[in-house]
Amino acid sequence: VVFALLRRSERPVISAIMGVLIDGMRSVPLL
């Protein structure tokens, strides 16, 4: 929930940082 709210933040810096973190983590296999 916190990640989703930060990703939708109106501040571009916060939104961009969260976007890199989320997309980067989702691009890597769990193993």
PDB file of all heavy atoms in Angstrom:
ATOM      1  N   VAL A   1       0.845  -1.205   0.000  1.00  0.00           N
ATOM      2  CA  VAL A   1       0.000   0.000   0.000  1.00  0.00           C
ATOM      3  C   VAL A   1       0.875   1.249   0.000  1.00  0.00           C
ATOM      4  O   VAL A   1       0.610   2.210  -0.745  1.00  0.00           O
ATOM      5  CB  VAL A   1      -0.945  -0.022   1.212  1.00  0.00           C
ATOM      6  CG1 VAL A   1      -1.750   1.270   1.284  1.00  0.00           C
ATOM      7  CG2 VAL A   1      -1.881  -1.223   1.146  1.00  0.00           C
ATOM      8  N   VAL A   2       1.915   1.234   0.821  1.00  0.00           N
ATOM      9  CA  VAL A   2       2.826   2.390   0.872  1.00  0.00           C
ATOM     10  C   VAL A   2       3.510   2.580  -0.476  1.00  0.00           C
ATOM     11  O   VAL A   2       3.612   3.712  -0.983  1.00  0.00           O
ATOM     12  CB  VAL A   2       3.857   2.198   1.995  1.00  0.00           C
ATOM     13  CG1 VAL A   2       4.882   3.333   1.979  1.00  0.00           C
ATOM     14  CG2 VAL A   2       3.168   2.135   3.349  1.00  0.00           C
ATOM     15  N   PHE A   3       3.976   1.511  -1.083  1.00  0.00           N
ATOM     16  CA  PHE A   3       4.637   1.612  -2.384  1.00  0.00           C
ATOM     17  C   PHE A   3       3.676   2.164  -3.442  1.00  0.00           C
ATOM     18  O   PHE A   3       4.063   2.994  -4.279  1.00  0.00           O
ATOM     19  CB  PHE A   3       5.149   0.242  -2.817  1.00  0.00           C
ATOM     20  CG  PHE A   3       6.403  -0.198  -2.123  1.00  0.00           C
ATOM     21  CD1 PHE A   3       7.000   0.598  -1.156  1.00  0.00           C
ATOM     22  CD2 PHE A   3       7.000  -1.415  -2.425  1.00  0.00           C
ATOM     23  CE1 PHE A   3       8.157   0.197  -0.509  1.00  0.00           C
ATOM     24  CE2 PHE A   3       8.151  -1.826  -1.796  1.00  0.00           C
ATOM     25  CZ  PHE A   3       8.728  -1.021  -0.832  1.00  0.00           C
ATOM     26  N   ALA A   4       2.432   1.696  -3.426  1.00  0.00           N
ATOM     27  CA  ALA A   4       1.458   2.166  -4.420  1.00  0.00           C
ATOM     28  C   ALA A   4       1.176   3.649  -4.256  1.00  0.00           C
ATOM     29  O   ALA A   4       1.071   4.394  -5.243  1.00  0.00           O
ATOM     30  CB  ALA A   4       0.167   1.359  -4.306  1.00  0.00           C
ATOM     31  N   LEU A   5       1.060   4.104  -3.007  1.00  0.00           N
ATOM     32  CA  LEU A   5       0.802   5.534  -2.762  1.00  0.00           C
ATOM     33  C   LEU A   5       2.001   6.381  -3.167  1.00  0.00           C
ATOM     34  O   LEU A   5       1.833   7.467  -3.742  1.00  0.00           O
ATOM     35  CB  LEU A   5       0.457   5.752  -1.289  1.00  0.00           C
ATOM     36  CG  LEU A   5      -0.853   5.115  -0.804  1.00  0.00           C
ATOM     37  CD1 LEU A   5      -1.032   5.342   0.692  1.00  0.00           C
ATOM     38  CD2 LEU A   5      -2.043   5.669  -1.574  1.00  0.00           C
ATOM     39  N   LEU A   6       3.202   5.897  -2.874  1.00  0.00           N
ATOM     40  CA  LEU A   6       4.391   6.654  -3.265  1.00  0.00           C
ATOM     41  C   LEU A   6       4.558   6.661  -4.785  1.00  0.00           C
ATOM     42  O   LEU A   6       5.026   7.658  -5.350  1.00  0.00           O
ATOM     43  CB  LEU A   6       5.636   6.045  -2.602  1.00  0.00           C
ATOM     44  CG  LEU A   6       5.735   6.197  -1.089  1.00  0.00           C
ATOM     45  CD1 LEU A   6       6.971   5.489  -0.551  1.00  0.00           C
ATOM     46  CD2 LEU A   6       5.763   7.676  -0.678  1.00  0.00           C
ATOM     47  N   ARG A   7       4.184   5.578  -5.431  1.00  0.00           N
ATOM     48  CA  ARG A   7       4.280   5.540  -6.899  1.00  0.00           C
ATOM     49  C   ARG A   7       3.325   6.554  -7.532  1.00  0.00           C
ATOM     50  O   ARG A   7       3.609   7.082  -8.605  1.00  0.00           O
ATOM     51  CB  ARG A   7       3.960   4.125  -7.382  1.00  0.00           C
ATOM     52  CG  ARG A   7       4.076   3.934  -8.897  1.00  0.00           C
ATOM     53  CD  ARG A   7       5.513   3.894  -9.337  1.00  0.00           C
ATOM     54  NE  ARG A   7       5.653   3.781 -10.768  1.00  0.00           N
ATOM     55  CZ  ARG A   7       5.738   2.614 -11.433  1.00  0.00           C
ATOM     56  NH1 ARG A   7       5.701   1.469 -10.769  1.00  0.00           N
ATOM     57  NH2 ARG A   7       5.875   2.599 -12.740  1.00  0.00           N
ATOM     58  N   ARG A   8       2.201   6.828  -6.870  1.00  0.00           N
ATOM     59  CA  ARG A   8       1.227   7.797  -7.385  1.00  0.00           C
ATOM     60  C   ARG A   8       1.452   9.206  -6.840  1.00  0.00           C
ATOM     61  O   ARG A   8       0.595  10.073  -6.997  1.00  0.00           O
ATOM     62  CB  ARG A   8      -0.193   7.356  -7.031  1.00  0.00           C
ATOM     63  CG  ARG A   8      -0.645   6.098  -7.712  1.00  0.00           C
ATOM     64  CD  ARG A   8      -2.061   5.738  -7.339  1.00  0.00           C
ATOM     65  NE  ARG A   8      -3.057   6.581  -8.002  1.00  0.00           N
ATOM     66  CZ  ARG A   8      -3.841   7.455  -7.375  1.00  0.00           C
ATOM     67  NH1 ARG A   8      -3.722   7.639  -6.072  1.00  0.00           N
ATOM     68  NH2 ARG A   8      -4.735   8.161  -8.053  1.00  0.00           N
ATOM     69  N   SER A   9       2.578   9.396  -6.183  1.00  0.00           N
ATOM     70  CA  SER A   9       2.852  10.704  -5.597  1.00  0.00           C
ATOM     71  C   SER A   9       2.894  11.792  -6.674  1.00  0.00           C
ATOM     72  O   SER A   9       3.324  11.561  -7.810  1.00  0.00           O
ATOM     73  CB  SER A   9       4.184  10.665  -4.843  1.00  0.00           C
ATOM     74  OG  SER A   9       4.530  11.952  -4.362  1.00  0.00           O
ATOM     75  N   GLU A  10       2.443  12.976  -6.319  1.00  0.00           N
ATOM     76  CA  GLU A  10       2.466  14.102  -7.247  1.00  0.00           C
ATOM     77  C   GLU A  10       3.853  14.707  -7.376  1.00  0.00           C
ATOM     78  O   GLU A  10       4.066  15.593  -8.213  1.00  0.00           O
ATOM     79  CB  GLU A  10       1.463  15.163  -6.785  1.00  0.00           C
ATOM     80  CG  GLU A  10       0.018  14.667  -6.809  1.00  0.00           C
ATOM     81  CD  GLU A  10      -0.957  15.727  -6.328  1.00  0.00           C
ATOM     82  OE1 GLU A  10      -0.485  16.802  -5.878  1.00  0.00           O
ATOM     83  OE2 GLU A  10      -2.180  15.492  -6.380  1.00  0.00           O
ATOM     84  N   ARG A  11       4.784  14.279  -6.544  1.00  0.00           N
ATOM     85  CA  ARG A  11       6.164  14.753  -6.634  1.00  0.00           C
ATOM     86  C   ARG A  11       6.940  13.818  -7.561  1.00  0.00           C
ATOM     87  O   ARG A  11       7.094  12.627  -7.270  1.00  0.00           O
ATOM     88  CB  ARG A  11       6.804  14.805  -5.251  1.00  0.00           C
ATOM     89  CG  ARG A  11       6.074  15.759  -4.307  1.00  0.00           C
ATOM     90  CD  ARG A  11       6.795  15.906  -2.992  1.00  0.00           C
ATOM     91  NE  ARG A  11       6.112  16.864  -2.125  1.00  0.00           N
ATOM     92  CZ  ARG A  11       6.539  17.244  -0.927  1.00  0.00           C
ATOM     93  NH1 ARG A  11       7.685  16.722  -0.459  1.00  0.00           N
ATOM     94  NH2 ARG A  11       5.852  18.108  -0.210  1.00  0.00           N
ATOM     95  N   PRO A  12       7.445  14.329  -8.666  1.00  0.00           N
ATOM     96  CA  PRO A  12       8.088  13.465  -9.677  1.00  0.00           C
ATOM     97  C   PRO A  12       9.274  12.675  -9.150  1.00  0.00           C
ATOM     98  O   PRO A  12       9.495  11.534  -9.586  1.00  0.00           O
ATOM     99  CB  PRO A  12       8.508  14.451 -10.777  1.00  0.00           C
ATOM    100  CG  PRO A  12       7.635  15.648 -10.571  1.00  0.00           C
ATOM    101  CD  PRO A  12       7.397  15.738  -9.099  1.00  0.00           C
ATOM    102  N   VAL A  13      10.043  13.251  -8.222  1.00  0.00           N
ATOM    103  CA  VAL A  13      11.235  12.554  -7.727  1.00  0.00           C
ATOM    104  C   VAL A  13      10.836  11.286  -6.972  1.00  0.00           C
ATOM    105  O   VAL A  13      11.383  10.198  -7.202  1.00  0.00           O
ATOM    106  CB  VAL A  13      12.057  13.493  -6.818  1.00  0.00           C
ATOM    107  CG1 VAL A  13      13.241  12.736  -6.219  1.00  0.00           C
ATOM    108  CG2 VAL A  13      12.548  14.700  -7.601  1.00  0.00           C
ATOM    109  N   ILE A  14       9.868  11.427  -6.078  1.00  0.00           N
ATOM    110  CA  ILE A  14       9.424  10.272  -5.296  1.00  0.00           C
ATOM    111  C   ILE A  14       8.804   9.215  -6.213  1.00  0.00           C
ATOM    112  O   ILE A  14       9.086   8.018  -6.095  1.00  0.00           O
ATOM    113  CB  ILE A  14       8.414  10.713  -4.226  1.00  0.00           C
ATOM    114  CG1 ILE A  14       9.084  11.669  -3.236  1.00  0.00           C
ATOM    115  CG2 ILE A  14       7.842   9.504  -3.499  1.00  0.00           C
ATOM    116  CD1 ILE A  14       8.157  12.195  -2.165  1.00  0.00           C
ATOM    117  N   SER A  15       7.974   9.647  -7.143  1.00  0.00           N
ATOM    118  CA  SER A  15       7.334   8.715  -8.062  1.00  0.00           C
ATOM    119  C   SER A  15       8.364   7.991  -8.923  1.00  0.00           C
ATOM    120  O   SER A  15       8.244   6.775  -9.160  1.00  0.00           O
ATOM    121  CB  SER A  15       6.333   9.455  -8.940  1.00  0.00           C
ATOM    122  OG  SER A  15       5.733   8.589  -9.863  1.00  0.00           O
ATOM    123  N   ALA A  16       9.381   8.714  -9.394  1.00  0.00           N
ATOM    124  CA  ALA A  16      10.399   8.096 -10.244  1.00  0.00           C
ATOM    125  C   ALA A  16      11.234   7.087  -9.466  1.00  0.00           C
ATOM    126  O   ALA A  16      11.539   5.992  -9.968  1.00  0.00           O
ATOM    127  CB  ALA A  16      11.298   9.176 -10.846  1.00  0.00           C
ATOM    128  N   ILE A  17      11.616   7.429  -8.237  1.00  0.00           N
ATOM    129  CA  ILE A  17      12.414   6.509  -7.416  1.00  0.00           C
ATOM    130  C   ILE A  17      11.636   5.221  -7.139  1.00  0.00           C
ATOM    131  O   ILE A  17      12.169   4.110  -7.262  1.00  0.00           O
ATOM    132  CB  ILE A  17      12.839   7.184  -6.101  1.00  0.00           C
ATOM    133  CG1 ILE A  17      13.820   8.328  -6.392  1.00  0.00           C
ATOM    134  CG2 ILE A  17      13.463   6.175  -5.153  1.00  0.00           C
ATOM    135  CD1 ILE A  17      14.208   9.131  -5.173  1.00  0.00           C
ATOM    136  N   MET A  18      10.367   5.367  -6.782  1.00  0.00           N
ATOM    137  CA  MET A  18       9.558   4.187  -6.515  1.00  0.00           C
ATOM    138  C   MET A  18       9.333   3.367  -7.788  1.00  0.00           C
ATOM    139  O   MET A  18       9.290   2.139  -7.747  1.00  0.00           O
ATOM    140  CB  MET A  18       8.224   4.587  -5.909  1.00  0.00           C
ATOM    141  CG  MET A  18       8.314   5.100  -4.484  1.00  0.00           C
ATOM    142  SD  MET A  18       9.200   3.968  -3.379  1.00  0.00           S
ATOM    143  CE  MET A  18       8.291   2.461  -3.599  1.00  0.00           C
ATOM    144  N   GLY A  19       9.199   4.058  -8.913  1.00  0.00           N
ATOM    145  CA  GLY A  19       9.035   3.331 -10.174  1.00  0.00           C
ATOM    146  C   GLY A  19      10.245   2.479 -10.496  1.00  0.00           C
ATOM    147  O   GLY A  19      10.119   1.325 -10.938  1.00  0.00           O
ATOM    148  N   VAL A  20      11.460   3.034 -10.279  1.00  0.00           N
ATOM    149  CA  VAL A  20      12.687   2.270 -10.529  1.00  0.00           C
ATOM    150  C   VAL A  20      12.779   1.084  -9.577  1.00  0.00           C
ATOM    151  O   VAL A  20      13.127  -0.039  -9.978  1.00  0.00           O
ATOM    152  CB  VAL A  20      13.915   3.186 -10.389  1.00  0.00           C
ATOM    153  CG1 VAL A  20      15.204   2.364 -10.440  1.00  0.00           C
ATOM    154  CG2 VAL A  20      13.919   4.239 -11.488  1.00  0.00           C
ATOM    155  N   LEU A  21      12.444   1.305  -8.291  1.00  0.00           N
ATOM    156  CA  LEU A  21      12.517   0.220  -7.310  1.00  0.00           C
ATOM    157  C   LEU A  21      11.533  -0.894  -7.642  1.00  0.00           C
ATOM    158  O   LEU A  21      11.895  -2.079  -7.664  1.00  0.00           O
ATOM    159  CB  LEU A  21      12.235   0.775  -5.915  1.00  0.00           C
ATOM    160  CG  LEU A  21      12.104  -0.270  -4.788  1.00  0.00           C
ATOM    161  CD1 LEU A  21      13.417  -1.020  -4.604  1.00  0.00           C
ATOM    162  CD2 LEU A  21      11.684   0.396  -3.477  1.00  0.00           C
ATOM    163  N   ILE A  22      10.287  -0.528  -7.925  1.00  0.00           N
ATOM    164  CA  ILE A  22       9.257  -1.536  -8.182  1.00  0.00           C
ATOM    165  C   ILE A  22       9.542  -2.288  -9.476  1.00  0.00           C
ATOM    166  O   ILE A  22       9.516  -3.528  -9.515  1.00  0.00           O
ATOM    167  CB  ILE A  22       7.874  -0.871  -8.223  1.00  0.00           C
ATOM    168  CG1 ILE A  22       7.500  -0.355  -6.835  1.00  0.00           C
ATOM    169  CG2 ILE A  22       6.821  -1.849  -8.723  1.00  0.00           C
ATOM    170  CD1 ILE A  22       6.219   0.458  -6.807  1.00  0.00           C
ATOM    171  N   ASP A  23       9.821  -1.563 -10.550  1.00  0.00           N
ATOM    172  CA  ASP A  23      10.072  -2.227 -11.827  1.00  0.00           C
ATOM    173  C   ASP A  23      11.356  -3.051 -11.790  1.00  0.00           C
ATOM    174  O   ASP A  23      11.431  -4.121 -12.402  1.00  0.00           O
ATOM    175  CB  ASP A  23      10.146  -1.191 -12.948  1.00  0.00           C
ATOM    176  CG  ASP A  23       8.798  -0.525 -13.197  1.00  0.00           C
ATOM    177  OD1 ASP A  23       7.777  -1.119 -12.830  1.00  0.00           O
ATOM    178  OD2 ASP A  23       8.789   0.602 -13.750  1.00  0.00           O
ATOM    179  N   GLY A  24      12.358  -2.543 -11.068  1.00  0.00           N
ATOM    180  CA  GLY A  24      13.600  -3.309 -10.950  1.00  0.00           C
ATOM    181  C   GLY A  24      13.407  -4.600 -10.183  1.00  0.00           C
ATOM    182  O   GLY A  24      13.909  -5.654 -10.580  1.00  0.00           O
ATOM    183  N   MET A  25      12.652  -4.547  -9.078  1.00  0.00           N
ATOM    184  CA  MET A  25      12.414  -5.754  -8.299  1.00  0.00           C
ATOM    185  C   MET A  25      11.545  -6.748  -9.062  1.00  0.00           C
ATOM    186  O   MET A  25      11.777  -7.956  -9.002  1.00  0.00           O
ATOM    187  CB  MET A  25      11.747  -5.377  -6.975  1.00  0.00           C
ATOM    188  CG  MET A  25      11.628  -6.522  -5.980  1.00  0.00           C
ATOM    189  SD  MET A  25      13.212  -7.095  -5.342  1.00  0.00           S
ATOM    190  CE  MET A  25      13.661  -5.724  -4.283  1.00  0.00           C
ATOM    191  N   ARG A  26      10.569  -6.263  -9.808  1.00  0.00           N
ATOM    192  CA  ARG A  26       9.686  -7.144 -10.565  1.00  0.00           C
ATOM    193  C   ARG A  26      10.383  -7.754 -11.782  1.00  0.00           C
ATOM    194  O   ARG A  26       9.897  -8.734 -12.346  1.00  0.00           O
ATOM    195  CB  ARG A  26       8.438  -6.383 -11.015  1.00  0.00           C
ATOM    196  CG  ARG A  26       7.526  -5.985  -9.879  1.00  0.00           C
ATOM    197  CD  ARG A  26       6.422  -5.047 -10.319  1.00  0.00           C
ATOM    198  NE  ARG A  26       5.533  -5.711 -11.260  1.00  0.00           N
ATOM    199  CZ  ARG A  26       5.273  -5.293 -12.478  1.00  0.00           C
ATOM    200  NH1 ARG A  26       5.859  -4.195 -12.936  1.00  0.00           N
ATOM    201  NH2 ARG A  26       4.432  -5.941 -13.259  1.00  0.00           N
ATOM    202  N   SER A  27      11.505  -7.167 -12.180  1.00  0.00           N
ATOM    203  CA  SER A  27      12.235  -7.684 -13.342  1.00  0.00           C
ATOM    204  C   SER A  27      13.212  -8.794 -12.983  1.00  0.00           C
ATOM    205  O   SER A  27      13.841  -9.376 -13.877  1.00  0.00           O
ATOM    206  CB  SER A  27      13.002  -6.544 -14.021  1.00  0.00           C
ATOM    207  OG  SER A  27      12.129  -5.504 -14.416  1.00  0.00           O
ATOM    208  N   VAL A  28      13.348  -9.087 -11.698  1.00  0.00           N
ATOM    209  CA  VAL A  28      14.314 -10.084 -11.234  1.00  0.00           C
ATOM    210  C   VAL A  28      13.557 -11.297 -10.708  1.00  0.00           C
ATOM    211  O   VAL A  28      12.574 -11.145  -9.983  1.00  0.00           O
ATOM    212  CB  VAL A  28      15.209  -9.500 -10.124  1.00  0.00           C
ATOM    213  CG1 VAL A  28      16.223 -10.529  -9.645  1.00  0.00           C
ATOM    214  CG2 VAL A  28      15.923  -8.250 -10.628  1.00  0.00           C
ATOM    215  N   PRO A  29      13.971 -12.511 -11.049  1.00  0.00           N
ATOM    216  CA  PRO A  29      13.300 -13.705 -10.506  1.00  0.00           C
ATOM    217  C   PRO A  29      13.414 -13.764  -8.988  1.00  0.00           C
ATOM    218  O   PRO A  29      14.379 -13.265  -8.394  1.00  0.00           O
ATOM    219  CB  PRO A  29      14.042 -14.869 -11.170  1.00  0.00           C
ATOM    220  CG  PRO A  29      14.725 -14.274 -12.353  1.00  0.00           C
ATOM    221  CD  PRO A  29      15.034 -12.855 -11.994  1.00  0.00           C
ATOM    222  N   LEU A  30      12.434 -14.390  -8.367  1.00  0.00           N
ATOM    223  CA  LEU A  30      12.427 -14.489  -6.911  1.00  0.00           C
ATOM    224  C   LEU A  30      13.656 -15.223  -6.401  1.00  0.00           C
ATOM    225  O   LEU A  30      14.227 -14.845  -5.364  1.00  0.00           O
ATOM    226  CB  LEU A  30      11.154 -15.204  -6.447  1.00  0.00           C
ATOM    227  CG  LEU A  30      11.060 -15.502  -4.951  1.00  0.00           C
ATOM    228  CD1 LEU A  30      11.087 -14.218  -4.138  1.00  0.00           C
ATOM    229  CD2 LEU A  30       9.808 -16.306  -4.641  1.00  0.00           C
ATOM    230  N   LEU A  31      14.085 -16.253  -7.110  1.00  0.00           N
ATOM    231  CA  LEU A  31      15.246 -17.010  -6.665  1.00  0.00           C
ATOM    232  C   LEU A  31      16.491 -16.133  -6.598  1.00  0.00           C
ATOM    233  O   LEU A  31      17.283 -16.224  -5.657  1.00  0.00           O
ATOM    234  CB  LEU A  31      15.485 -18.196  -7.607  1.00  0.00           C
ATOM    235  CG  LEU A  31      16.591 -19.161  -7.201  1.00  0.00           C
ATOM    236  CD1 LEU A  31      16.308 -19.754  -5.833  1.00  0.00           C
ATOM    237  CD2 LEU A  31      16.748 -20.264  -8.243  1.00  0.00           C
TER     238      LEU A  31
END
